[in-house]
Amino acid sequence: MHTTTSQLEQAAAYNHTELFCRNALARGGEIRTMEDLTYTYEGPDYQSMIAFPSLSAAVADRRLDEMMDWYASRPTRGLGCWSLAPPQPADLGARLKARGFQDGWQPCWMALELGQMKVEYDHPAGLRIVADNDISLSDVKDLPYTGRHSAVSPELLHYHPEQAQQFVALLKGRIVGHSSMCITNGVHGVAGIYDVAVVPSARQKGIGKALVLAACLKAKEKGIHYAVLNATGRRMYEQIGFRWLGDGFTWWLLPPND
């Protein structure tokens, strides 16, 4: 099947949007959605997400003011707004900064046609990858993207394993890394890969690659044709077969003490 770069970027945005909404519902939060704007509230202990606005210049300020009024009565640890490039409207960043946001990082969107993934790689003896949503990672020392800081919430993994799957890397029985997958179906159906992380003492051994491949292989088993992700570095993913689609934008409004 042939899917264009633009279609894959849209699928990545849709997958992220669905993940934000699923996290909010799993945590007992709220979702507000219109044709051109979707945003979530996960509760006072978590950051809330504004998902890929598609606003016309004529209505952007009104929509953003409505959104900020909605959040004013909902305490949060911060707001994050995500966008593909170019933003809609083009001056979305300036409008958000006028409301207290600041520039964030630029997401690096990548995609892999699962029928073309490269599955041969070096990895340490004694490495085992298990698919288990009930393994808690919060107490694993020096392991990033766990608990409150994970993209795929522990609540979503626990209550909705049909939507999200966690993969845990065990090296000689010790937890050394993890990744997660969130699947969306329909016209934007892809597997979103999230939370790929390895403890510092076990990096550069092929464990991160093994975690990504485990998620991709599981997605392929489920009949999914593409995996998408926001990469923190392109090299490892390119070795598996991922290709760069483009970069996006984020803006963040954080509490004063953060």
C-alpha atoms as a PDB file:
ATOM      1  CA  MET A   1       0.000   0.000   0.000  1.00  0.00           C
ATOM      2  CA  HIS A   2       1.243   3.526  -0.812  1.00  0.00           C
ATOM      3  CA  THR A   3       0.902   6.216   1.825  1.00  0.00           C
ATOM      4  CA  THR A   4       2.266   9.727   1.324  1.00  0.00           C
ATOM      5  CA  THR A   5       4.479  11.634   3.746  1.00  0.00           C
ATOM      6  CA  SER A   6       1.638  14.062   4.443  1.00  0.00           C
ATOM      7  CA  GLN A   7      -0.767  11.206   5.201  1.00  0.00           C
ATOM      8  CA  LEU A   8       1.730   9.649   7.604  1.00  0.00           C
ATOM      9  CA  GLU A   9       2.247  12.971   9.392  1.00  0.00           C
ATOM     10  CA  GLN A  10      -1.498  13.278   9.771  1.00  0.00           C
ATOM     11  CA  ALA A  11      -1.641   9.707  11.075  1.00  0.00           C
ATOM     12  CA  ALA A  12       1.055  10.515  13.653  1.00  0.00           C
ATOM     13  CA  ALA A  13      -0.908  13.579  14.764  1.00  0.00           C
ATOM     14  CA  TYR A  14      -4.108  11.538  15.010  1.00  0.00           C
ATOM     15  CA  ASN A  15      -2.331   8.841  17.017  1.00  0.00           C
ATOM     16  CA  HIS A  16      -0.988  11.438  19.451  1.00  0.00           C
ATOM     17  CA  THR A  17      -4.406  13.045  19.736  1.00  0.00           C
ATOM     18  CA  GLU A  18      -6.057   9.722  20.495  1.00  0.00           C
ATOM     19  CA  LEU A  19      -3.374   8.978  23.095  1.00  0.00           C
ATOM     20  CA  PHE A  20      -3.919  12.333  24.827  1.00  0.00           C
ATOM     21  CA  CYS A  21      -7.665  11.685  24.940  1.00  0.00           C
ATOM     22  CA  ARG A  22      -7.291   8.100  26.145  1.00  0.00           C
ATOM     23  CA  ASN A  23      -4.900   9.159  28.911  1.00  0.00           C
ATOM     24  CA  ALA A  24      -7.381  11.799  30.075  1.00  0.00           C
ATOM     25  CA  LEU A  25     -10.281   9.350  30.180  1.00  0.00           C
ATOM     26  CA  ALA A  26      -8.212   6.664  31.917  1.00  0.00           C
ATOM     27  CA  ARG A  27      -7.331   9.185  34.624  1.00  0.00           C
ATOM     28  CA  GLY A  28     -10.916  10.342  35.084  1.00  0.00           C
ATOM     29  CA  GLY A  29     -10.302  13.628  33.291  1.00  0.00           C
ATOM     30  CA  GLU A  30     -12.090  15.495  30.533  1.00  0.00           C
ATOM     31  CA  ILE A  31     -11.890  16.097  26.779  1.00  0.00           C
ATOM     32  CA  ARG A  32     -13.169  19.113  24.905  1.00  0.00           C
ATOM     33  CA  THR A  33     -13.263  18.798  21.134  1.00  0.00           C
ATOM     34  CA  MET A  34     -14.455  20.919  18.247  1.00  0.00           C
ATOM     35  CA  GLU A  35     -13.917  20.541  14.534  1.00  0.00           C
ATOM     36  CA  ASP A  36     -10.702  22.566  14.656  1.00  0.00           C
ATOM     37  CA  LEU A  37      -9.427  22.107  18.214  1.00  0.00           C
ATOM     38  CA  THR A  38      -9.146  19.271  20.755  1.00  0.00           C
ATOM     39  CA  TYR A  39      -7.752  19.632  24.256  1.00  0.00           C
ATOM     40  CA  THR A  40      -7.695  17.481  27.366  1.00  0.00           C
ATOM     41  CA  TYR A  41      -7.622  17.713  31.128  1.00  0.00           C
ATOM     42  CA  GLU A  42      -5.999  14.871  33.093  1.00  0.00           C
ATOM     43  CA  GLY A  43      -6.355  16.297  36.595  1.00  0.00           C
ATOM     44  CA  PRO A  44      -4.331  18.611  38.839  1.00  0.00           C
ATOM     45  CA  ASP A  45      -1.338  16.268  39.079  1.00  0.00           C
ATOM     46  CA  TYR A  46      -0.650  16.010  35.338  1.00  0.00           C
ATOM     47  CA  GLN A  47       0.049  18.144  32.300  1.00  0.00           C
ATOM     48  CA  SER A  48      -2.851  18.625  29.905  1.00  0.00           C
ATOM     49  CA  MET A  49      -2.550  18.543  26.121  1.00  0.00           C
ATOM     50  CA  ILE A  50      -3.778  20.673  23.216  1.00  0.00           C
ATOM     51  CA  ALA A  51      -3.736  18.482  20.132  1.00  0.00           C
ATOM     52  CA  PHE A  52      -2.755  19.822  16.708  1.00  0.00           C
ATOM     53  CA  PRO A  53      -5.004  22.875  16.271  1.00  0.00           C
ATOM     54  CA  SER A  54      -6.306  23.577  12.775  1.00  0.00           C
ATOM     55  CA  LEU A  55      -7.604  27.094  13.312  1.00  0.00           C
ATOM     56  CA  SER A  56      -8.404  29.784  10.795  1.00  0.00           C
ATOM     57  CA  ALA A  57      -6.948  33.203  11.520  1.00  0.00           C
ATOM     58  CA  ALA A  58     -10.460  34.614  11.786  1.00  0.00           C
ATOM     59  CA  VAL A  59     -11.490  32.432  14.744  1.00  0.00           C
ATOM     60  CA  ALA A  60      -8.134  31.576  16.347  1.00  0.00           C
ATOM     61  CA  ASP A  61      -8.189  34.191  19.123  1.00  0.00           C
ATOM     62  CA  ARG A  62     -11.772  33.400  20.064  1.00  0.00           C
ATOM     63  CA  ARG A  63     -11.100  29.657  20.201  1.00  0.00           C
ATOM     64  CA  LEU A  64      -7.912  30.129  22.228  1.00  0.00           C
ATOM     65  CA  ASP A  65      -9.637  32.465  24.683  1.00  0.00           C
ATOM     66  CA  GLU A  66     -12.443  29.922  25.153  1.00  0.00           C
ATOM     67  CA  MET A  67      -9.805  27.259  25.794  1.00  0.00           C
ATOM     68  CA  MET A  68      -7.930  29.356  28.366  1.00  0.00           C
ATOM     69  CA  ASP A  69     -11.202  30.181  30.154  1.00  0.00           C
ATOM     70  CA  TRP A  70     -11.966  26.438  30.312  1.00  0.00           C
ATOM     71  CA  TYR A  71      -8.559  25.672  31.818  1.00  0.00           C
ATOM     72  CA  ALA A  72      -8.828  28.554  34.310  1.00  0.00           C
ATOM     73  CA  SER A  73     -11.213  26.470  36.436  1.00  0.00           C
ATOM     74  CA  ARG A  74      -9.152  23.282  36.083  1.00  0.00           C
ATOM     75  CA  PRO A  75      -5.818  23.344  37.954  1.00  0.00           C
ATOM     76  CA  THR A  76      -3.065  21.534  36.057  1.00  0.00           C
ATOM     77  CA  ARG A  77       0.691  21.015  36.119  1.00  0.00           C
ATOM     78  CA  GLY A  78       0.937  22.708  32.752  1.00  0.00           C
ATOM     79  CA  LEU A  79      -0.377  22.829  29.204  1.00  0.00           C
ATOM     80  CA  GLY A  80       1.345  21.506  26.102  1.00  0.00           C
ATOM     81  CA  CYS A  81       0.268  22.411  22.569  1.00  0.00           C
ATOM     82  CA  TRP A  82       1.398  20.208  19.663  1.00  0.00           C
ATOM     83  CA  SER A  83       1.405  21.082  15.971  1.00  0.00           C
ATOM     84  CA  LEU A  84       2.526  19.758  12.638  1.00  0.00           C
ATOM     85  CA  ALA A  85       4.363  22.141  10.297  1.00  0.00           C
ATOM     86  CA  PRO A  86       3.207  24.627   9.245  1.00  0.00           C
ATOM     87  CA  PRO A  87       1.032  25.603  12.223  1.00  0.00           C
ATOM     88  CA  GLN A  88      -2.559  26.610  11.588  1.00  0.00           C
ATOM     89  CA  PRO A  89      -2.779  29.540  11.689  1.00  0.00           C
ATOM     90  CA  ALA A  90       0.822  30.344  10.731  1.00  0.00           C
ATOM     91  CA  ASP A  91       1.181  32.665  13.749  1.00  0.00           C
ATOM     92  CA  LEU A  92      -0.211  30.135  16.249  1.00  0.00           C
ATOM     93  CA  GLY A  93       3.008  30.322  18.283  1.00  0.00           C
ATOM     94  CA  ALA A  94       2.762  34.094  18.672  1.00  0.00           C
ATOM     95  CA  ARG A  95      -0.876  33.828  19.735  1.00  0.00           C
ATOM     96  CA  LEU A  96      -0.009  31.205  22.338  1.00  0.00           C
ATOM     97  CA  LYS A  97       2.942  33.240  23.652  1.00  0.00           C
ATOM     98  CA  ALA A  98       0.571  36.165  24.146  1.00  0.00           C
ATOM     99  CA  ARG A  99      -1.278  33.828  26.524  1.00  0.00           C
ATOM    100  CA  GLY A 100       1.822  32.852  28.521  1.00  0.00           C
ATOM    101  CA  PHE A 101       3.173  29.891  26.557  1.00  0.00           C
ATOM    102  CA  GLN A 102       6.829  29.465  25.616  1.00  0.00           C
ATOM    103  CA  ASP A 103       8.558  27.639  22.790  1.00  0.00           C
ATOM    104  CA  GLY A 104       9.133  23.920  23.328  1.00  0.00           C
ATOM    105  CA  TRP A 105      11.059  21.330  21.341  1.00  0.00           C
ATOM    106  CA  GLN A 106      10.417  20.414  17.732  1.00  0.00           C
ATOM    107  CA  PRO A 107       9.023  16.876  17.413  1.00  0.00           C
ATOM    108  CA  CYS A 108      10.841  14.772  14.832  1.00  0.00           C
ATOM    109  CA  TRP A 109       8.175  12.730  13.042  1.00  0.00           C
ATOM    110  CA  MET A 110       9.301   9.375  11.624  1.00  0.00           C
ATOM    111  CA  ALA A 111       7.472   6.427  10.057  1.00  0.00           C
ATOM    112  CA  LEU A 112       8.172   2.814   9.140  1.00  0.00           C
ATOM    113  CA  GLU A 113       6.340   0.552   6.725  1.00  0.00           C
ATOM    114  CA  LEU A 114       6.240  -2.561   8.893  1.00  0.00           C
ATOM    115  CA  GLY A 115       6.736  -4.921   5.971  1.00  0.00           C
ATOM    116  CA  GLN A 116      10.162  -3.361   5.413  1.00  0.00           C
ATOM    117  CA  MET A 117      11.570  -3.275   8.945  1.00  0.00           C
ATOM    118  CA  LYS A 118      15.086  -4.591   9.500  1.00  0.00           C
ATOM    119  CA  VAL A 119      14.919  -7.204  12.244  1.00  0.00           C
ATOM    120  CA  GLU A 120      18.553  -8.335  12.434  1.00  0.00           C
ATOM    121  CA  TYR A 121      20.579  -6.566  15.107  1.00  0.00           C
ATOM    122  CA  ASP A 122      23.182  -7.195  17.794  1.00  0.00           C
ATOM    123  CA  HIS A 123      21.995  -7.421  21.384  1.00  0.00           C
ATOM    124  CA  PRO A 124      23.522  -8.592  24.671  1.00  0.00           C
ATOM    125  CA  ALA A 125      23.246 -12.176  25.858  1.00  0.00           C
ATOM    126  CA  GLY A 126      20.520 -12.628  28.431  1.00  0.00           C
ATOM    127  CA  LEU A 127      18.245  -9.922  27.000  1.00  0.00           C
ATOM    128  CA  ARG A 128      14.522 -10.652  27.079  1.00  0.00           C
ATOM    129  CA  ILE A 129      11.662  -8.382  25.979  1.00  0.00           C
ATOM    130  CA  VAL A 130       8.286  -9.055  27.595  1.00  0.00           C
ATOM    131  CA  ALA A 131       4.900  -7.522  26.768  1.00  0.00           C
ATOM    132  CA  ASP A 132       3.371  -6.858  30.183  1.00  0.00           C
ATOM    133  CA  ASN A 133       1.220  -3.878  31.146  1.00  0.00           C
ATOM    134  CA  ASP A 134       1.240  -4.706  34.844  1.00  0.00           C
ATOM    135  CA  ILE A 135       4.970  -4.357  35.484  1.00  0.00           C
ATOM    136  CA  SER A 136       5.512  -1.129  37.435  1.00  0.00           C
ATOM    137  CA  LEU A 137       8.547   0.898  36.350  1.00  0.00           C
ATOM    138  CA  SER A 138       8.274   3.853  38.719  1.00  0.00           C
ATOM    139  CA  ASP A 139      10.916   2.516  41.102  1.00  0.00           C
ATOM    140  CA  VAL A 140      13.497   1.562  38.454  1.00  0.00           C
ATOM    141  CA  LYS A 141      16.426   3.877  39.102  1.00  0.00           C
ATOM    142  CA  ASP A 142      17.507   6.176  36.245  1.00  0.00           C
ATOM    143  CA  LEU A 143      14.873   4.889  33.807  1.00  0.00           C
ATOM    144  CA  PRO A 144      13.269   7.804  31.897  1.00  0.00           C
ATOM    145  CA  TYR A 145       9.623   8.195  30.846  1.00  0.00           C
ATOM    146  CA  THR A 146       7.963   6.341  33.710  1.00  0.00           C
ATOM    147  CA  GLY A 147       5.023   7.176  35.961  1.00  0.00           C
ATOM    148  CA  ARG A 148       3.917  10.798  35.648  1.00  0.00           C
ATOM    149  CA  HIS A 149       6.565  11.425  32.991  1.00  0.00           C
ATOM    150  CA  SER A 150       5.466   8.688  30.590  1.00  0.00           C
ATOM    151  CA  ALA A 151       3.608   9.450  27.372  1.00  0.00           C
ATOM    152  CA  VAL A 152       1.419   6.360  27.770  1.00  0.00           C
ATOM    153  CA  SER A 153      -0.080   6.595  31.246  1.00  0.00           C
ATOM    154  CA  PRO A 154       0.066   3.666  33.691  1.00  0.00           C
ATOM    155  CA  GLU A 155      -3.719   4.007  34.024  1.00  0.00           C
ATOM    156  CA  LEU A 156      -4.234   3.528  30.285  1.00  0.00           C
ATOM    157  CA  LEU A 157      -1.942   0.492  30.263  1.00  0.00           C
ATOM    158  CA  HIS A 158      -3.775  -1.025  33.220  1.00  0.00           C
ATOM    159  CA  TYR A 159      -7.392  -0.380  32.258  1.00  0.00           C
ATOM    160  CA  HIS A 160      -7.187  -0.580  28.457  1.00  0.00           C
ATOM    161  CA  PRO A 161      -4.629  -3.157  27.297  1.00  0.00           C
ATOM    162  CA  GLU A 162      -6.590  -3.452  24.049  1.00  0.00           C
ATOM    163  CA  GLN A 163      -5.489   0.108  23.222  1.00  0.00           C
ATOM    164  CA  ALA A 164      -1.973   0.260  24.593  1.00  0.00           C
ATOM    165  CA  GLN A 165       0.862  -2.183  25.258  1.00  0.00           C
ATOM    166  CA  GLN A 166       4.004  -1.885  27.364  1.00  0.00           C
ATOM    167  CA  PHE A 167       7.240  -3.702  26.516  1.00  0.00           C
ATOM    168  CA  VAL A 168       9.875  -4.240  29.204  1.00  0.00           C
ATOM    169  CA  ALA A 169      13.527  -5.121  28.620  1.00  0.00           C
ATOM    170  CA  LEU A 170      15.041  -7.548  31.124  1.00  0.00           C
ATOM    171  CA  LEU A 171      18.800  -8.105  31.080  1.00  0.00           C
ATOM    172  CA  LYS A 172      19.667 -11.174  33.124  1.00  0.00           C
ATOM    173  CA  GLY A 173      16.427 -10.627  35.041  1.00  0.00           C
ATOM    174  CA  ARG A 174      16.943  -6.912  35.756  1.00  0.00           C
ATOM    175  CA  ILE A 175      14.690  -4.236  34.233  1.00  0.00           C
ATOM    176  CA  VAL A 176      16.846  -2.041  32.003  1.00  0.00           C
ATOM    177  CA  GLY A 177      14.413  -0.431  29.565  1.00  0.00           C
ATOM    178  CA  HIS A 178      10.888  -0.096  28.224  1.00  0.00           C
ATOM    179  CA  SER A 179       8.754   1.112  25.329  1.00  0.00           C
ATOM    180  CA  SER A 180       5.030   1.486  24.733  1.00  0.00           C
ATOM    181  CA  MET A 181       2.675   1.273  21.782  1.00  0.00           C
ATOM    182  CA  CYS A 182      -0.686   2.920  21.152  1.00  0.00           C
ATOM    183  CA  ILE A 183      -2.743   1.695  18.199  1.00  0.00           C
ATOM    184  CA  THR A 184      -5.262   3.739  16.230  1.00  0.00           C
ATOM    185  CA  ASN A 185      -7.503   2.185  13.604  1.00  0.00           C
ATOM    186  CA  GLY A 186      -9.472   3.368  10.601  1.00  0.00           C
ATOM    187  CA  VAL A 187      -8.165   5.650   7.878  1.00  0.00           C
ATOM    188  CA  HIS A 188      -5.441   6.916  10.229  1.00  0.00           C
ATOM    189  CA  GLY A 189      -4.638   3.448  11.568  1.00  0.00           C
ATOM    190  CA  VAL A 190      -1.026   3.169  12.729  1.00  0.00           C
ATOM    191  CA  ALA A 191       0.984   2.027  15.724  1.00  0.00           C
ATOM    192  CA  GLY A 192       2.433   4.929  17.678  1.00  0.00           C
ATOM    193  CA  ILE A 193       5.697   4.054  19.453  1.00  0.00           C
ATOM    194  CA  TYR A 194       6.324   5.928  22.715  1.00  0.00           C
ATOM    195  CA  ASP A 195       8.485   6.001  25.860  1.00  0.00           C
ATOM    196  CA  VAL A 196      11.541   4.251  24.370  1.00  0.00           C
ATOM    197  CA  ALA A 197      14.110   4.394  27.157  1.00  0.00           C
ATOM    198  CA  VAL A 198      17.075   2.445  28.547  1.00  0.00           C
ATOM    199  CA  VAL A 199      18.932   2.993  31.819  1.00  0.00           C
ATOM    200  CA  PRO A 200      22.303   4.728  31.238  1.00  0.00           C
ATOM    201  CA  SER A 201      24.371   1.705  32.298  1.00  0.00           C
ATOM    202  CA  ALA A 202      22.796  -0.481  29.578  1.00  0.00           C
ATOM    203  CA  ARG A 203      22.821   1.901  26.610  1.00  0.00           C
ATOM    204  CA  GLN A 204      24.619   1.405  23.285  1.00  0.00           C
ATOM    205  CA  LYS A 205      24.016  -2.352  23.416  1.00  0.00           C
ATOM    206  CA  GLY A 206      21.031  -2.711  21.087  1.00  0.00           C
ATOM    207  CA  ILE A 207      18.400  -2.740  23.828  1.00  0.00           C
ATOM    208  CA  GLY A 208      16.560   0.340  22.595  1.00  0.00           C
ATOM    209  CA  LYS A 209      16.403  -1.153  19.126  1.00  0.00           C
ATOM    210  CA  ALA A 210      15.059  -4.414  20.561  1.00  0.00           C
ATOM    211  CA  LEU A 211      12.310  -2.506  22.389  1.00  0.00           C
ATOM    212  CA  VAL A 212      11.242  -0.651  19.242  1.00  0.00           C
ATOM    213  CA  LEU A 213      11.264  -3.830  17.159  1.00  0.00           C
ATOM    214  CA  ALA A 214       9.189  -5.684  19.745  1.00  0.00           C
ATOM    215  CA  ALA A 215       6.494  -3.013  19.451  1.00  0.00           C
ATOM    216  CA  CYS A 216       6.680  -3.002  15.646  1.00  0.00           C
ATOM    217  CA  LEU A 217       6.428  -6.784  15.418  1.00  0.00           C
ATOM    218  CA  LYS A 218       3.399  -6.795  17.712  1.00  0.00           C
ATOM    219  CA  ALA A 219       1.760  -4.106  15.563  1.00  0.00           C
ATOM    220  CA  LYS A 220       2.431  -6.124  12.418  1.00  0.00           C
ATOM    221  CA  GLU A 221       0.823  -9.177  14.050  1.00  0.00           C
ATOM    222  CA  LYS A 222      -2.289  -7.051  14.602  1.00  0.00           C
ATOM    223  CA  GLY A 223      -2.487  -6.183  10.909  1.00  0.00           C
ATOM    224  CA  ILE A 224      -1.111  -2.647  11.194  1.00  0.00           C
ATOM    225  CA  HIS A 225       0.912  -1.462   8.185  1.00  0.00           C
ATOM    226  CA  TYR A 226       2.812   1.540   9.599  1.00  0.00           C
ATOM    227  CA  ALA A 227       4.502   2.607  12.824  1.00  0.00           C
ATOM    228  CA  VAL A 228       5.060   6.282  13.641  1.00  0.00           C
ATOM    229  CA  LEU A 229       6.971   8.066  16.379  1.00  0.00           C
ATOM    230  CA  ASN A 230       8.481  11.311  17.609  1.00  0.00           C
ATOM    231  CA  ALA A 231      12.218  10.613  17.712  1.00  0.00           C
ATOM    232  CA  THR A 232      14.715  12.138  20.113  1.00  0.00           C
ATOM    233  CA  GLY A 233      17.474  10.970  17.749  1.00  0.00           C
ATOM    234  CA  ARG A 234      17.128   9.594  14.239  1.00  0.00           C
ATOM    235  CA  ARG A 235      20.074   7.200  13.905  1.00  0.00           C
ATOM    236  CA  MET A 236      18.742   4.157  15.764  1.00  0.00           C
ATOM    237  CA  TYR A 237      15.336   4.397  14.130  1.00  0.00           C
ATOM    238  CA  GLU A 238      16.849   4.753  10.665  1.00  0.00           C
ATOM    239  CA  GLN A 239      18.786   1.539  11.273  1.00  0.00           C
ATOM    240  CA  ILE A 240      15.465  -0.241  11.777  1.00  0.00           C
ATOM    241  CA  GLY A 241      14.000   1.306   8.621  1.00  0.00           C
ATOM    242  CA  PHE A 242      12.172   4.382   9.867  1.00  0.00           C
ATOM    243  CA  ARG A 243      12.297   7.448   7.626  1.00  0.00           C
ATOM    244  CA  TRP A 244      12.055  11.099   8.571  1.00  0.00           C
ATOM    245  CA  LEU A 245       8.749  12.787   7.688  1.00  0.00           C
ATOM    246  CA  GLY A 246       9.320  16.301   8.998  1.00  0.00           C
ATOM    247  CA  ASP A 247       9.532  18.320  12.184  1.00  0.00           C
ATOM    248  CA  GLY A 248       6.713  19.870  14.168  1.00  0.00           C
ATOM    249  CA  PHE A 249       6.256  22.383  16.980  1.00  0.00           C
ATOM    250  CA  THR A 250       5.353  22.411  20.659  1.00  0.00           C
ATOM    251  CA  TRP A 251       4.580  25.249  23.051  1.00  0.00           C
ATOM    252  CA  TRP A 252       4.268  24.927  26.829  1.00  0.00           C
ATOM    253  CA  LEU A 253       2.611  26.835  29.620  1.00  0.00           C
ATOM    254  CA  LEU A 254       4.157  25.701  32.912  1.00  0.00           C
ATOM    255  CA  PRO A 255       3.358  26.575  36.528  1.00  0.00           C
ATOM    256  CA  PRO A 256       5.769  29.125  38.067  1.00  0.00           C
ATOM    257  CA  ASN A 257       7.483  26.521  40.285  1.00  0.00           C
ATOM    258  CA  ASP A 258       8.213  24.242  37.278  1.00  0.00           C
END
